[in-house]
Amino acid sequence: MPSTPALGHILIVDDDANIAELLQINLRSEGYTVDTAPIAEKVDFDSLDSTQLIIVDAMHQPYSGMDLIFDLKDNPSTEHIGVILYSSFKSERMVIDALDAGADDYIVKPFSLRELVARVKSVMRRHKAPSAAPGRTINFDNMEVDLATQTVRLEGTPVSLSKTEFAILSILLKNVNSYVSRIEIHKKVWNDESAGANERIVDTNISRLRKKLGYIGERIVNRSGHGYMIS
Protein backbone atom coordinates (compact mmCIF):
# COMPACT_ATOMS: atom_id res chain seq x y z
CA MET A 1 0.00 0.00 0.00
CA PRO A 2 1.42 3.43 -0.88
CA SER A 3 2.44 5.91 1.79
CA THR A 4 -0.42 8.16 2.83
CA PRO A 5 -0.26 11.88 2.01
CA ALA A 6 -1.81 14.64 4.11
CA LEU A 7 -5.25 14.17 2.57
CA GLY A 8 -5.31 10.42 3.11
CA HIS A 9 -5.80 7.12 1.30
CA ILE A 10 -9.08 5.87 -0.21
CA LEU A 11 -10.07 2.43 -1.53
CA ILE A 12 -12.83 2.15 -4.14
CA VAL A 13 -14.62 -1.20 -4.43
CA ASP A 14 -16.75 -1.58 -7.55
CA ASP A 15 -17.11 -4.29 -10.17
CA ASP A 16 -17.78 -1.63 -12.80
CA ALA A 17 -14.27 -0.73 -13.95
CA ASN A 18 -15.44 2.44 -15.70
CA ILE A 19 -17.02 3.88 -12.56
CA ALA A 20 -14.06 2.85 -10.40
CA GLU A 21 -11.61 4.51 -12.81
CA LEU A 22 -13.69 7.70 -13.04
CA LEU A 23 -13.88 8.02 -9.26
CA GLN A 24 -10.19 7.22 -8.92
CA ILE A 25 -9.15 9.96 -11.37
CA ASN A 26 -11.36 12.60 -9.77
CA LEU A 27 -10.38 11.81 -6.19
CA ARG A 28 -6.70 11.75 -7.11
CA SER A 29 -7.15 15.22 -8.59
CA GLU A 30 -8.38 16.31 -5.15
CA GLY A 31 -5.11 15.16 -3.57
CA TYR A 32 -5.96 11.69 -2.26
CA THR A 33 -4.16 8.47 -3.03
CA VAL A 34 -6.72 6.05 -4.42
CA ASP A 35 -6.67 2.31 -5.08
CA THR A 36 -9.41 0.09 -6.46
CA ALA A 37 -10.69 -3.44 -5.93
CA PRO A 38 -13.11 -5.18 -8.35
CA ILE A 39 -15.28 -6.90 -5.73
CA ALA A 40 -15.70 -6.74 -1.97
CA GLU A 41 -14.42 -10.29 -1.56
CA LYS A 42 -11.04 -9.19 -2.97
CA VAL A 43 -10.39 -6.57 -0.28
CA ASP A 44 -7.26 -7.52 1.66
CA PHE A 45 -7.79 -6.49 5.28
CA ASP A 46 -4.07 -6.82 5.99
CA SER A 47 -3.31 -4.03 3.51
CA LEU A 48 -5.66 -1.42 5.00
CA ASP A 49 -3.26 0.06 7.55
CA SER A 50 -3.06 3.43 5.78
CA THR A 51 -6.67 3.52 4.52
CA GLN A 52 -8.98 6.18 5.94
CA LEU A 53 -12.00 5.61 3.70
CA ILE A 54 -13.57 2.83 1.63
CA ILE A 55 -16.14 3.70 -1.03
CA VAL A 56 -18.05 0.56 -1.94
CA ASP A 57 -20.88 -0.34 -4.29
CA ALA A 58 -23.66 -2.37 -2.67
CA MET A 59 -23.21 -4.96 -5.50
CA HIS A 60 -25.39 -8.06 -5.66
CA GLN A 61 -22.83 -10.81 -5.17
CA PRO A 62 -22.45 -13.64 -2.65
CA TYR A 63 -20.15 -11.33 -0.65
CA SER A 64 -21.70 -7.87 -0.99
CA GLY A 65 -20.75 -4.34 -0.05
CA MET A 66 -22.91 -4.71 3.07
CA ASP A 67 -21.01 -7.85 4.05
CA LEU A 68 -17.78 -5.89 3.72
CA ILE A 69 -19.09 -3.18 6.06
CA PHE A 70 -20.10 -5.74 8.69
CA ASP A 71 -16.66 -7.37 8.59
CA LEU A 72 -14.82 -4.04 8.68
CA LYS A 73 -16.73 -2.88 11.75
CA ASP A 74 -16.39 -6.25 13.51
CA ASN A 75 -12.60 -6.16 13.14
CA PRO A 76 -10.79 -4.00 15.77
CA SER A 77 -7.99 -3.24 13.30
CA THR A 78 -10.37 -1.85 10.64
CA GLU A 79 -13.42 -0.56 12.55
CA HIS A 80 -12.00 2.99 12.48
CA ILE A 81 -12.07 3.16 8.65
CA GLY A 82 -14.76 5.38 7.18
CA VAL A 83 -17.22 3.82 4.72
CA ILE A 84 -19.44 5.29 2.02
CA LEU A 85 -21.88 2.84 0.41
CA TYR A 86 -23.56 3.63 -2.89
CA SER A 87 -26.29 1.84 -4.79
CA SER A 88 -28.81 2.35 -7.58
CA PHE A 89 -31.58 1.35 -5.16
CA LYS A 90 -33.30 4.22 -3.36
CA SER A 91 -34.64 2.24 -0.43
CA GLU A 92 -35.12 3.68 3.05
CA ARG A 93 -34.64 0.20 4.49
CA MET A 94 -31.29 -0.16 2.74
CA VAL A 95 -30.13 3.26 3.93
CA ILE A 96 -31.05 2.40 7.52
CA ASP A 97 -29.39 -1.01 7.29
CA ALA A 98 -26.19 0.54 5.91
CA LEU A 99 -26.02 3.18 8.64
CA ASP A 100 -26.81 0.61 11.34
CA ALA A 101 -24.02 -1.59 9.99
CA GLY A 102 -21.54 1.26 10.45
CA ALA A 103 -21.48 3.12 7.12
CA ASP A 104 -20.77 6.83 7.43
CA ASP A 105 -22.88 7.75 4.41
CA TYR A 106 -25.11 6.33 1.70
CA ILE A 107 -25.40 7.71 -1.84
CA VAL A 108 -27.96 6.78 -4.47
CA LYS A 109 -26.76 6.32 -8.06
CA PRO A 110 -26.58 8.17 -10.31
CA PHE A 111 -24.79 10.86 -8.33
CA SER A 112 -22.71 13.84 -9.39
CA LEU A 113 -18.96 13.79 -8.90
CA ARG A 114 -19.20 17.08 -7.02
CA GLU A 115 -21.64 15.54 -4.55
CA LEU A 116 -19.42 12.50 -4.01
CA VAL A 117 -16.31 14.62 -3.47
CA ALA A 118 -18.19 16.78 -0.94
CA ARG A 119 -19.34 13.69 0.96
CA VAL A 120 -15.82 12.21 0.86
CA LYS A 121 -14.38 15.41 2.34
CA SER A 122 -17.01 15.37 5.09
CA VAL A 123 -16.23 11.76 6.06
CA MET A 124 -12.47 12.32 5.89
CA ARG A 125 -12.75 15.32 8.22
CA ARG A 126 -14.49 13.13 10.79
CA HIS A 127 -11.71 10.57 10.61
CA LYS A 128 -8.96 13.01 11.49
CA ALA A 129 -7.82 13.56 15.04
CA PRO A 130 -9.68 16.36 16.83
CA SER A 131 -7.85 19.60 17.45
CA ALA A 132 -6.61 19.55 21.02
CA ALA A 133 -3.54 20.53 22.96
CA PRO A 134 -0.97 17.69 23.21
CA GLY A 135 -1.56 15.54 26.25
CA ARG A 136 -4.93 17.10 27.11
CA THR A 137 -7.07 14.55 28.91
CA ILE A 138 -10.55 14.33 30.36
CA ASN A 139 -11.06 12.12 33.41
CA PHE A 140 -14.54 10.81 34.14
CA ASP A 141 -14.92 8.36 36.99
CA ASN A 142 -12.44 5.56 36.17
CA MET A 143 -12.20 6.52 32.49
CA GLU A 144 -9.38 8.59 31.00
CA VAL A 145 -9.85 10.17 27.57
CA ASP A 146 -6.85 11.65 25.74
CA LEU A 147 -8.13 14.17 23.19
CA ALA A 148 -4.80 14.50 21.40
CA THR A 149 -4.23 10.80 20.72
CA GLN A 150 -7.92 9.81 20.63
CA THR A 151 -7.36 7.04 23.14
CA VAL A 152 -9.67 5.88 25.91
CA ARG A 153 -8.76 3.85 28.98
CA LEU A 154 -11.29 2.38 31.36
CA GLU A 155 -9.72 1.33 34.68
CA GLY A 156 -6.40 1.38 32.84
CA THR A 157 -7.57 -0.92 30.04
CA PRO A 158 -7.65 0.49 26.48
CA VAL A 159 -11.09 0.75 24.87
CA SER A 160 -11.22 0.58 21.08
CA LEU A 161 -13.53 3.27 19.67
CA SER A 162 -14.12 4.34 16.09
CA LYS A 163 -13.35 7.96 15.16
CA THR A 164 -17.05 8.77 15.16
CA GLU A 165 -17.67 7.14 18.55
CA PHE A 166 -14.72 9.03 20.03
CA ALA A 167 -15.99 12.34 18.65
CA ILE A 168 -19.43 11.76 20.20
CA LEU A 169 -17.91 10.76 23.54
CA SER A 170 -15.78 13.93 23.55
CA ILE A 171 -18.88 16.09 22.99
CA LEU A 172 -20.76 14.40 25.83
CA LEU A 173 -17.80 14.71 28.22
CA LYS A 174 -17.47 18.42 27.45
CA ASN A 175 -21.13 18.78 28.45
CA VAL A 176 -21.33 16.55 31.53
CA ASN A 177 -24.76 16.70 33.22
CA SER A 178 -26.17 18.70 30.29
CA TYR A 179 -28.25 17.35 27.42
CA VAL A 180 -26.88 17.67 23.87
CA SER A 181 -29.49 17.35 21.13
CA ARG A 182 -29.20 14.82 18.33
CA ILE A 183 -29.13 17.66 15.81
CA GLU A 184 -26.23 19.36 17.60
CA ILE A 185 -24.27 16.11 17.82
CA HIS A 186 -24.86 15.45 14.14
CA LYS A 187 -23.75 18.93 13.11
CA LYS A 188 -20.55 18.76 15.17
CA VAL A 189 -19.53 15.21 14.27
CA TRP A 190 -20.69 15.02 10.66
CA ASN A 191 -20.17 18.72 9.79
CA ASP A 192 -23.62 18.65 8.22
CA GLU A 193 -26.24 21.35 8.64
CA SER A 194 -29.00 19.14 7.18
CA ALA A 195 -29.09 16.84 10.19
CA GLY A 196 -32.83 16.21 10.39
CA ALA A 197 -32.97 13.24 8.01
CA ASN A 198 -29.90 11.53 9.49
CA GLU A 199 -30.37 11.68 13.25
CA ARG A 200 -30.79 7.90 13.40
CA ILE A 201 -27.06 7.49 12.78
CA VAL A 202 -26.43 9.37 16.06
CA ASP A 203 -28.55 6.82 17.94
CA THR A 204 -26.74 3.93 16.24
CA ASN A 205 -23.27 5.19 17.16
CA ILE A 206 -24.28 5.98 20.75
CA SER A 207 -25.72 2.47 21.08
CA ARG A 208 -22.30 1.06 20.09
CA LEU A 209 -20.54 3.49 22.41
CA ARG A 210 -22.66 2.40 25.36
CA LYS A 211 -21.81 -1.26 24.79
CA LYS A 212 -18.08 -0.60 24.51
CA LEU A 213 -17.95 1.53 27.68
CA GLY A 214 -19.75 -0.99 29.91
CA TYR A 215 -20.88 0.51 33.21
CA ILE A 216 -19.74 3.97 32.06
CA GLY A 217 -21.92 3.54 28.98
CA GLU A 218 -24.94 3.02 31.25
CA ARG A 219 -24.46 6.61 32.39
CA ILE A 220 -25.19 7.91 28.88
CA VAL A 221 -28.89 8.68 29.05
CA ASN A 222 -31.35 10.15 26.58
CA ARG A 223 -34.56 12.09 27.03
CA SER A 224 -37.13 12.68 24.35
CA GLY A 225 -36.94 16.23 23.04
CA HIS A 226 -33.65 16.92 24.84
CA GLY A 227 -31.05 14.54 23.41
CA TYR A 228 -28.19 12.72 25.14
CA MET A 229 -26.27 13.36 28.35
CA ILE A 230 -23.52 11.65 30.33
CA SER A 231 -23.95 12.09 34.05
C-alpha atoms as a PDB file:
ATOM      1  CA  MET A   1       0.000   0.000   0.000  1.00  0.00           C
ATOM      2  CA  PRO A   2       1.422   3.434  -0.876  1.00  0.00           C
ATOM      3  CA  SER A   3       2.441   5.907   1.791  1.00  0.00           C
ATOM      4  CA  THR A   4      -0.416   8.156   2.829  1.00  0.00           C
ATOM      5  CA  PRO A   5      -0.257  11.878   2.010  1.00  0.00           C
ATOM      6  CA  ALA A   6      -1.809  14.636   4.113  1.00  0.00           C
ATOM      7  CA  LEU A   7      -5.251  14.168   2.566  1.00  0.00           C
ATOM      8  CA  GLY A   8      -5.314  10.417   3.108  1.00  0.00           C
ATOM      9  CA  HIS A   9      -5.802   7.120   1.296  1.00  0.00           C
ATOM     10  CA  ILE A  10      -9.080   5.874  -0.210  1.00  0.00           C
ATOM     11  CA  LEU A  11     -10.072   2.433  -1.529  1.00  0.00           C
ATOM     12  CA  ILE A  12     -12.834   2.153  -4.137  1.00  0.00           C
ATOM     13  CA  VAL A  13     -14.621  -1.200  -4.430  1.00  0.00           C
ATOM     14  CA  ASP A  14     -16.749  -1.579  -7.548  1.00  0.00           C
ATOM     15  CA  ASP A  15     -17.108  -4.293 -10.169  1.00  0.00           C
ATOM     16  CA  ASP A  16     -17.779  -1.629 -12.799  1.00  0.00           C
ATOM     17  CA  ALA A  17     -14.274  -0.734 -13.955  1.00  0.00           C
ATOM     18  CA  ASN A  18     -15.436   2.435 -15.702  1.00  0.00           C
ATOM     19  CA  ILE A  19     -17.022   3.882 -12.560  1.00  0.00           C
ATOM     20  CA  ALA A  20     -14.062   2.854 -10.405  1.00  0.00           C
ATOM     21  CA  GLU A  21     -11.608   4.514 -12.805  1.00  0.00           C
ATOM     22  CA  LEU A  22     -13.687   7.698 -13.036  1.00  0.00           C
ATOM     23  CA  LEU A  23     -13.877   8.021  -9.258  1.00  0.00           C
ATOM     24  CA  GLN A  24     -10.188   7.221  -8.922  1.00  0.00           C
ATOM     25  CA  ILE A  25      -9.154   9.955 -11.372  1.00  0.00           C
ATOM     26  CA  ASN A  26     -11.362  12.597  -9.767  1.00  0.00           C
ATOM     27  CA  LEU A  27     -10.383  11.807  -6.186  1.00  0.00           C
ATOM     28  CA  ARG A  28      -6.699  11.754  -7.105  1.00  0.00           C
ATOM     29  CA  SER A  29      -7.155  15.221  -8.591  1.00  0.00           C
ATOM     30  CA  GLU A  30      -8.385  16.314  -5.147  1.00  0.00           C
ATOM     31  CA  GLY A  31      -5.110  15.163  -3.569  1.00  0.00           C
ATOM     32  CA  TYR A  32      -5.963  11.694  -2.257  1.00  0.00           C
ATOM     33  CA  THR A  33      -4.158   8.467  -3.031  1.00  0.00           C
ATOM     34  CA  VAL A  34      -6.721   6.051  -4.423  1.00  0.00           C
ATOM     35  CA  ASP A  35      -6.670   2.307  -5.080  1.00  0.00           C
ATOM     36  CA  THR A  36      -9.413   0.094  -6.459  1.00  0.00           C
ATOM     37  CA  ALA A  37     -10.691  -3.438  -5.932  1.00  0.00           C
ATOM     38  CA  PRO A  38     -13.106  -5.179  -8.349  1.00  0.00           C
ATOM     39  CA  ILE A  39     -15.284  -6.899  -5.732  1.00  0.00           C
ATOM     40  CA  ALA A  40     -15.702  -6.742  -1.966  1.00  0.00           C
ATOM     41  CA  GLU A  41     -14.418 -10.287  -1.564  1.00  0.00           C
ATOM     42  CA  LYS A  42     -11.038  -9.189  -2.973  1.00  0.00           C
ATOM     43  CA  VAL A  43     -10.390  -6.566  -0.282  1.00  0.00           C
ATOM     44  CA  ASP A  44      -7.256  -7.517   1.656  1.00  0.00           C
ATOM     45  CA  PHE A  45      -7.795  -6.495   5.281  1.00  0.00           C
ATOM     46  CA  ASP A  46      -4.072  -6.824   5.991  1.00  0.00           C
ATOM     47  CA  SER A  47      -3.310  -4.032   3.507  1.00  0.00           C
ATOM     48  CA  LEU A  48      -5.662  -1.424   4.996  1.00  0.00           C
ATOM     49  CA  ASP A  49      -3.262   0.059   7.554  1.00  0.00           C
ATOM     50  CA  SER A  50      -3.063   3.430   5.779  1.00  0.00           C
ATOM     51  CA  THR A  51      -6.667   3.522   4.518  1.00  0.00           C
ATOM     52  CA  GLN A  52      -8.982   6.184   5.937  1.00  0.00           C
ATOM     53  CA  LEU A  53     -12.002   5.611   3.700  1.00  0.00           C
ATOM     54  CA  ILE A  54     -13.570   2.833   1.628  1.00  0.00           C
ATOM     55  CA  ILE A  55     -16.142   3.704  -1.030  1.00  0.00           C
ATOM     56  CA  VAL A  56     -18.046   0.558  -1.936  1.00  0.00           C
ATOM     57  CA  ASP A  57     -20.878  -0.343  -4.292  1.00  0.00           C
ATOM     58  CA  ALA A  58     -23.657  -2.373  -2.671  1.00  0.00           C
ATOM     59  CA  MET A  59     -23.214  -4.959  -5.502  1.00  0.00           C
ATOM     60  CA  HIS A  60     -25.395  -8.063  -5.665  1.00  0.00           C
ATOM     61  CA  GLN A  61     -22.835 -10.806  -5.172  1.00  0.00           C
ATOM     62  CA  PRO A  62     -22.451 -13.636  -2.648  1.00  0.00           C
ATOM     63  CA  TYR A  63     -20.153 -11.331  -0.649  1.00  0.00           C
ATOM     64  CA  SER A  64     -21.697  -7.873  -0.990  1.00  0.00           C
ATOM     65  CA  GLY A  65     -20.754  -4.338  -0.047  1.00  0.00           C
ATOM     66  CA  MET A  66     -22.913  -4.709   3.068  1.00  0.00           C
ATOM     67  CA  ASP A  67     -21.011  -7.851   4.048  1.00  0.00           C
ATOM     68  CA  LEU A  68     -17.782  -5.892   3.724  1.00  0.00           C
ATOM     69  CA  ILE A  69     -19.089  -3.183   6.059  1.00  0.00           C
ATOM     70  CA  PHE A  70     -20.104  -5.739   8.694  1.00  0.00           C
ATOM     71  CA  ASP A  71     -16.661  -7.373   8.590  1.00  0.00           C
ATOM     72  CA  LEU A  72     -14.818  -4.043   8.678  1.00  0.00           C
ATOM     73  CA  LYS A  73     -16.726  -2.879  11.752  1.00  0.00           C
ATOM     74  CA  ASP A  74     -16.391  -6.250  13.507  1.00  0.00           C
ATOM     75  CA  ASN A  75     -12.596  -6.162  13.143  1.00  0.00           C
ATOM     76  CA  PRO A  76     -10.788  -4.003  15.771  1.00  0.00           C
ATOM     77  CA  SER A  77      -7.994  -3.239  13.301  1.00  0.00           C
ATOM     78  CA  THR A  78     -10.369  -1.846  10.643  1.00  0.00           C
ATOM     79  CA  GLU A  79     -13.417  -0.560  12.545  1.00  0.00           C
ATOM     80  CA  HIS A  80     -11.996   2.986  12.482  1.00  0.00           C
ATOM     81  CA  ILE A  81     -12.068   3.161   8.648  1.00  0.00           C
ATOM     82  CA  GLY A  82     -14.761   5.378   7.179  1.00  0.00           C
ATOM     83  CA  VAL A  83     -17.221   3.823   4.717  1.00  0.00           C
ATOM     84  CA  ILE A  84     -19.442   5.292   2.022  1.00  0.00           C
ATOM     85  CA  LEU A  85     -21.880   2.844   0.410  1.00  0.00           C
ATOM     86  CA  TYR A  86     -23.561   3.632  -2.890  1.00  0.00           C
ATOM     87  CA  SER A  87     -26.294   1.836  -4.786  1.00  0.00           C
ATOM     88  CA  SER A  88     -28.807   2.346  -7.575  1.00  0.00           C
ATOM     89  CA  PHE A  89     -31.584   1.346  -5.159  1.00  0.00           C
ATOM     90  CA  LYS A  90     -33.296   4.218  -3.356  1.00  0.00           C
ATOM     91  CA  SER A  91     -34.639   2.236  -0.430  1.00  0.00           C
ATOM     92  CA  GLU A  92     -35.122   3.683   3.046  1.00  0.00           C
ATOM     93  CA  ARG A  93     -34.640   0.200   4.489  1.00  0.00           C
ATOM     94  CA  MET A  94     -31.287  -0.164   2.745  1.00  0.00           C
ATOM     95  CA  VAL A  95     -30.132   3.261   3.929  1.00  0.00           C
ATOM     96  CA  ILE A  96     -31.053   2.405   7.516  1.00  0.00           C
ATOM     97  CA  ASP A  97     -29.392  -1.014   7.293  1.00  0.00           C
ATOM     98  CA  ALA A  98     -26.194   0.538   5.911  1.00  0.00           C
ATOM     99  CA  LEU A  99     -26.023   3.176   8.645  1.00  0.00           C
ATOM    100  CA  ASP A 100     -26.805   0.611  11.343  1.00  0.00           C
ATOM    101  CA  ALA A 101     -24.019  -1.593   9.988  1.00  0.00           C
ATOM    102  CA  GLY A 102     -21.541   1.262  10.448  1.00  0.00           C
ATOM    103  CA  ALA A 103     -21.479   3.119   7.119  1.00  0.00           C
ATOM    104  CA  ASP A 104     -20.771   6.834   7.427  1.00  0.00           C
ATOM    105  CA  ASP A 105     -22.876   7.754   4.412  1.00  0.00           C
ATOM    106  CA  TYR A 106     -25.114   6.331   1.696  1.00  0.00           C
ATOM    107  CA  ILE A 107     -25.396   7.708  -1.841  1.00  0.00           C
ATOM    108  CA  VAL A 108     -27.958   6.779  -4.473  1.00  0.00           C
ATOM    109  CA  LYS A 109     -26.757   6.322  -8.063  1.00  0.00           C
ATOM    110  CA  PRO A 110     -26.579   8.167 -10.314  1.00  0.00           C
ATOM    111  CA  PHE A 111     -24.791  10.857  -8.325  1.00  0.00           C
ATOM    112  CA  SER A 112     -22.709  13.837  -9.387  1.00  0.00           C
ATOM    113  CA  LEU A 113     -18.961  13.791  -8.897  1.00  0.00           C
ATOM    114  CA  ARG A 114     -19.201  17.080  -7.019  1.00  0.00           C
ATOM    115  CA  GLU A 115     -21.638  15.537  -4.550  1.00  0.00           C
ATOM    116  CA  LEU A 116     -19.421  12.498  -4.014  1.00  0.00           C
ATOM    117  CA  VAL A 117     -16.306  14.624  -3.472  1.00  0.00           C
ATOM    118  CA  ALA A 118     -18.189  16.778  -0.935  1.00  0.00           C
ATOM    119  CA  ARG A 119     -19.339  13.689   0.964  1.00  0.00           C
ATOM    120  CA  VAL A 120     -15.819  12.215   0.856  1.00  0.00           C
ATOM    121  CA  LYS A 121     -14.377  15.406   2.335  1.00  0.00           C
ATOM    122  CA  SER A 122     -17.008  15.365   5.089  1.00  0.00           C
ATOM    123  CA  VAL A 123     -16.233  11.759   6.061  1.00  0.00           C
ATOM    124  CA  MET A 124     -12.472  12.317   5.885  1.00  0.00           C
ATOM    125  CA  ARG A 125     -12.747  15.318   8.223  1.00  0.00           C
ATOM    126  CA  ARG A 126     -14.490  13.134  10.786  1.00  0.00           C
ATOM    127  CA  HIS A 127     -11.714  10.574  10.606  1.00  0.00           C
ATOM    128  CA  LYS A 128      -8.963  13.009  11.494  1.00  0.00           C
ATOM    129  CA  ALA A 129      -7.822  13.556  15.039  1.00  0.00           C
ATOM    130  CA  PRO A 130      -9.677  16.361  16.834  1.00  0.00           C
ATOM    131  CA  SER A 131      -7.851  19.604  17.449  1.00  0.00           C
ATOM    132  CA  ALA A 132      -6.614  19.548  21.019  1.00  0.00           C
ATOM    133  CA  ALA A 133      -3.538  20.531  22.963  1.00  0.00           C
ATOM    134  CA  PRO A 134      -0.971  17.688  23.209  1.00  0.00           C
ATOM    135  CA  GLY A 135      -1.559  15.541  26.252  1.00  0.00           C
ATOM    136  CA  ARG A 136      -4.933  17.104  27.112  1.00  0.00           C
ATOM    137  CA  THR A 137      -7.068  14.547  28.907  1.00  0.00           C
ATOM    138  CA  ILE A 138     -10.546  14.328  30.362  1.00  0.00           C
ATOM    139  CA  ASN A 139     -11.065  12.124  33.407  1.00  0.00           C
ATOM    140  CA  PHE A 140     -14.541  10.815  34.137  1.00  0.00           C
ATOM    141  CA  ASP A 141     -14.922   8.357  36.991  1.00  0.00           C
ATOM    142  CA  ASN A 142     -12.435   5.560  36.165  1.00  0.00           C
ATOM    143  CA  MET A 143     -12.201   6.521  32.491  1.00  0.00           C
ATOM    144  CA  GLU A 144      -9.377   8.588  31.001  1.00  0.00           C
ATOM    145  CA  VAL A 145      -9.850  10.174  27.572  1.00  0.00           C
ATOM    146  CA  ASP A 146      -6.847  11.650  25.741  1.00  0.00           C
ATOM    147  CA  LEU A 147      -8.128  14.171  23.193  1.00  0.00           C
ATOM    148  CA  ALA A 148      -4.804  14.504  21.397  1.00  0.00           C
ATOM    149  CA  THR A 149      -4.227  10.800  20.723  1.00  0.00           C
ATOM    150  CA  GLN A 150      -7.918   9.811  20.625  1.00  0.00           C
ATOM    151  CA  THR A 151      -7.359   7.044  23.145  1.00  0.00           C
ATOM    152  CA  VAL A 152      -9.671   5.875  25.907  1.00  0.00           C
ATOM    153  CA  ARG A 153      -8.763   3.851  28.978  1.00  0.00           C
ATOM    154  CA  LEU A 154     -11.289   2.380  31.365  1.00  0.00           C
ATOM    155  CA  GLU A 155      -9.724   1.329  34.681  1.00  0.00           C
ATOM    156  CA  GLY A 156      -6.396   1.381  32.836  1.00  0.00           C
ATOM    157  CA  THR A 157      -7.571  -0.919  30.036  1.00  0.00           C
ATOM    158  CA  PRO A 158      -7.647   0.488  26.475  1.00  0.00           C
ATOM    159  CA  VAL A 159     -11.089   0.750  24.872  1.00  0.00           C
ATOM    160  CA  SER A 160     -11.220   0.585  21.076  1.00  0.00           C
ATOM    161  CA  LEU A 161     -13.526   3.271  19.672  1.00  0.00           C
ATOM    162  CA  SER A 162     -14.122   4.338  16.094  1.00  0.00           C
ATOM    163  CA  LYS A 163     -13.348   7.956  15.160  1.00  0.00           C
ATOM    164  CA  THR A 164     -17.051   8.768  15.160  1.00  0.00           C
ATOM    165  CA  GLU A 165     -17.669   7.142  18.552  1.00  0.00           C
ATOM    166  CA  PHE A 166     -14.721   9.029  20.031  1.00  0.00           C
ATOM    167  CA  ALA A 167     -15.993  12.339  18.651  1.00  0.00           C
ATOM    168  CA  ILE A 168     -19.433  11.763  20.203  1.00  0.00           C
ATOM    169  CA  LEU A 169     -17.909  10.765  23.543  1.00  0.00           C
ATOM    170  CA  SER A 170     -15.784  13.932  23.547  1.00  0.00           C
ATOM    171  CA  ILE A 171     -18.875  16.086  22.985  1.00  0.00           C
ATOM    172  CA  LEU A 172     -20.760  14.399  25.832  1.00  0.00           C
ATOM    173  CA  LEU A 173     -17.799  14.713  28.218  1.00  0.00           C
ATOM    174  CA  LYS A 174     -17.467  18.417  27.451  1.00  0.00           C
ATOM    175  CA  ASN A 175     -21.130  18.784  28.455  1.00  0.00           C
ATOM    176  CA  VAL A 176     -21.335  16.555  31.535  1.00  0.00           C
ATOM    177  CA  ASN A 177     -24.760  16.696  33.220  1.00  0.00           C
ATOM    178  CA  SER A 178     -26.172  18.695  30.291  1.00  0.00           C
ATOM    179  CA  TYR A 179     -28.245  17.347  27.415  1.00  0.00           C
ATOM    180  CA  VAL A 180     -26.882  17.666  23.869  1.00  0.00           C
ATOM    181  CA  SER A 181     -29.491  17.350  21.127  1.00  0.00           C
ATOM    182  CA  ARG A 182     -29.196  14.817  18.326  1.00  0.00           C
ATOM    183  CA  ILE A 183     -29.127  17.660  15.806  1.00  0.00           C
ATOM    184  CA  GLU A 184     -26.233  19.362  17.605  1.00  0.00           C
ATOM    185  CA  ILE A 185     -24.266  16.113  17.821  1.00  0.00           C
ATOM    186  CA  HIS A 186     -24.864  15.447  14.137  1.00  0.00           C
ATOM    187  CA  LYS A 187     -23.746  18.931  13.109  1.00  0.00           C
ATOM    188  CA  LYS A 188     -20.549  18.758  15.175  1.00  0.00           C
ATOM    189  CA  VAL A 189     -19.533  15.208  14.273  1.00  0.00           C
ATOM    190  CA  TRP A 190     -20.694  15.021  10.662  1.00  0.00           C
ATOM    191  CA  ASN A 191     -20.174  18.719   9.789  1.00  0.00           C
ATOM    192  CA  ASP A 192     -23.622  18.646   8.216  1.00  0.00           C
ATOM    193  CA  GLU A 193     -26.237  21.350   8.640  1.00  0.00           C
ATOM    194  CA  SER A 194     -28.996  19.136   7.177  1.00  0.00           C
ATOM    195  CA  ALA A 195     -29.093  16.842  10.186  1.00  0.00           C
ATOM    196  CA  GLY A 196     -32.828  16.207  10.392  1.00  0.00           C
ATOM    197  CA  ALA A 197     -32.971  13.243   8.012  1.00  0.00           C
ATOM    198  CA  ASN A 198     -29.901  11.532   9.489  1.00  0.00           C
ATOM    199  CA  GLU A 199     -30.367  11.681  13.253  1.00  0.00           C
ATOM    200  CA  ARG A 200     -30.790   7.901  13.401  1.00  0.00           C
ATOM    201  CA  ILE A 201     -27.056   7.493  12.784  1.00  0.00           C
ATOM    202  CA  VAL A 202     -26.432   9.369  16.057  1.00  0.00           C
ATOM    203  CA  ASP A 203     -28.551   6.825  17.938  1.00  0.00           C
ATOM    204  CA  THR A 204     -26.739   3.932  16.242  1.00  0.00           C
ATOM    205  CA  ASN A 205     -23.274   5.193  17.164  1.00  0.00           C
ATOM    206  CA  ILE A 206     -24.281   5.983  20.754  1.00  0.00           C
ATOM    207  CA  SER A 207     -25.715   2.467  21.077  1.00  0.00           C
ATOM    208  CA  ARG A 208     -22.304   1.060  20.087  1.00  0.00           C
ATOM    209  CA  LEU A 209     -20.543   3.493  22.414  1.00  0.00           C
ATOM    210  CA  ARG A 210     -22.665   2.397  25.362  1.00  0.00           C
ATOM    211  CA  LYS A 211     -21.813  -1.261  24.786  1.00  0.00           C
ATOM    212  CA  LYS A 212     -18.076  -0.601  24.513  1.00  0.00           C
ATOM    213  CA  LEU A 213     -17.954   1.535  27.680  1.00  0.00           C
ATOM    214  CA  GLY A 214     -19.751  -0.991  29.907  1.00  0.00           C
ATOM    215  CA  TYR A 215     -20.883   0.511  33.206  1.00  0.00           C
ATOM    216  CA  ILE A 216     -19.741   3.968  32.060  1.00  0.00           C
ATOM    217  CA  GLY A 217     -21.922   3.537  28.978  1.00  0.00           C
ATOM    218  CA  GLU A 218     -24.936   3.019  31.247  1.00  0.00           C
ATOM    219  CA  ARG A 219     -24.464   6.609  32.387  1.00  0.00           C
ATOM    220  CA  ILE A 220     -25.188   7.910  28.881  1.00  0.00           C
ATOM    221  CA  VAL A 221     -28.893   8.683  29.046  1.00  0.00           C
ATOM    222  CA  ASN A 222     -31.350  10.151  26.583  1.00  0.00           C
ATOM    223  CA  ARG A 223     -34.555  12.089  27.032  1.00  0.00           C
ATOM    224  CA  SER A 224     -37.128  12.678  24.347  1.00  0.00           C
ATOM    225  CA  GLY A 225     -36.938  16.226  23.036  1.00  0.00           C
ATOM    226  CA  HIS A 226     -33.654  16.921  24.838  1.00  0.00           C
ATOM    227  CA  GLY A 227     -31.051  14.540  23.409  1.00  0.00           C
ATOM    228  CA  TYR A 228     -28.186  12.719  25.141  1.00  0.00           C
ATOM    229  CA  MET A 229     -26.268  13.358  28.352  1.00  0.00           C
ATOM    230  CA  ILE A 230     -23.524  11.648  30.325  1.00  0.00           C
ATOM    231  CA  SER A 231     -23.954  12.086  34.053  1.00  0.00           C
END
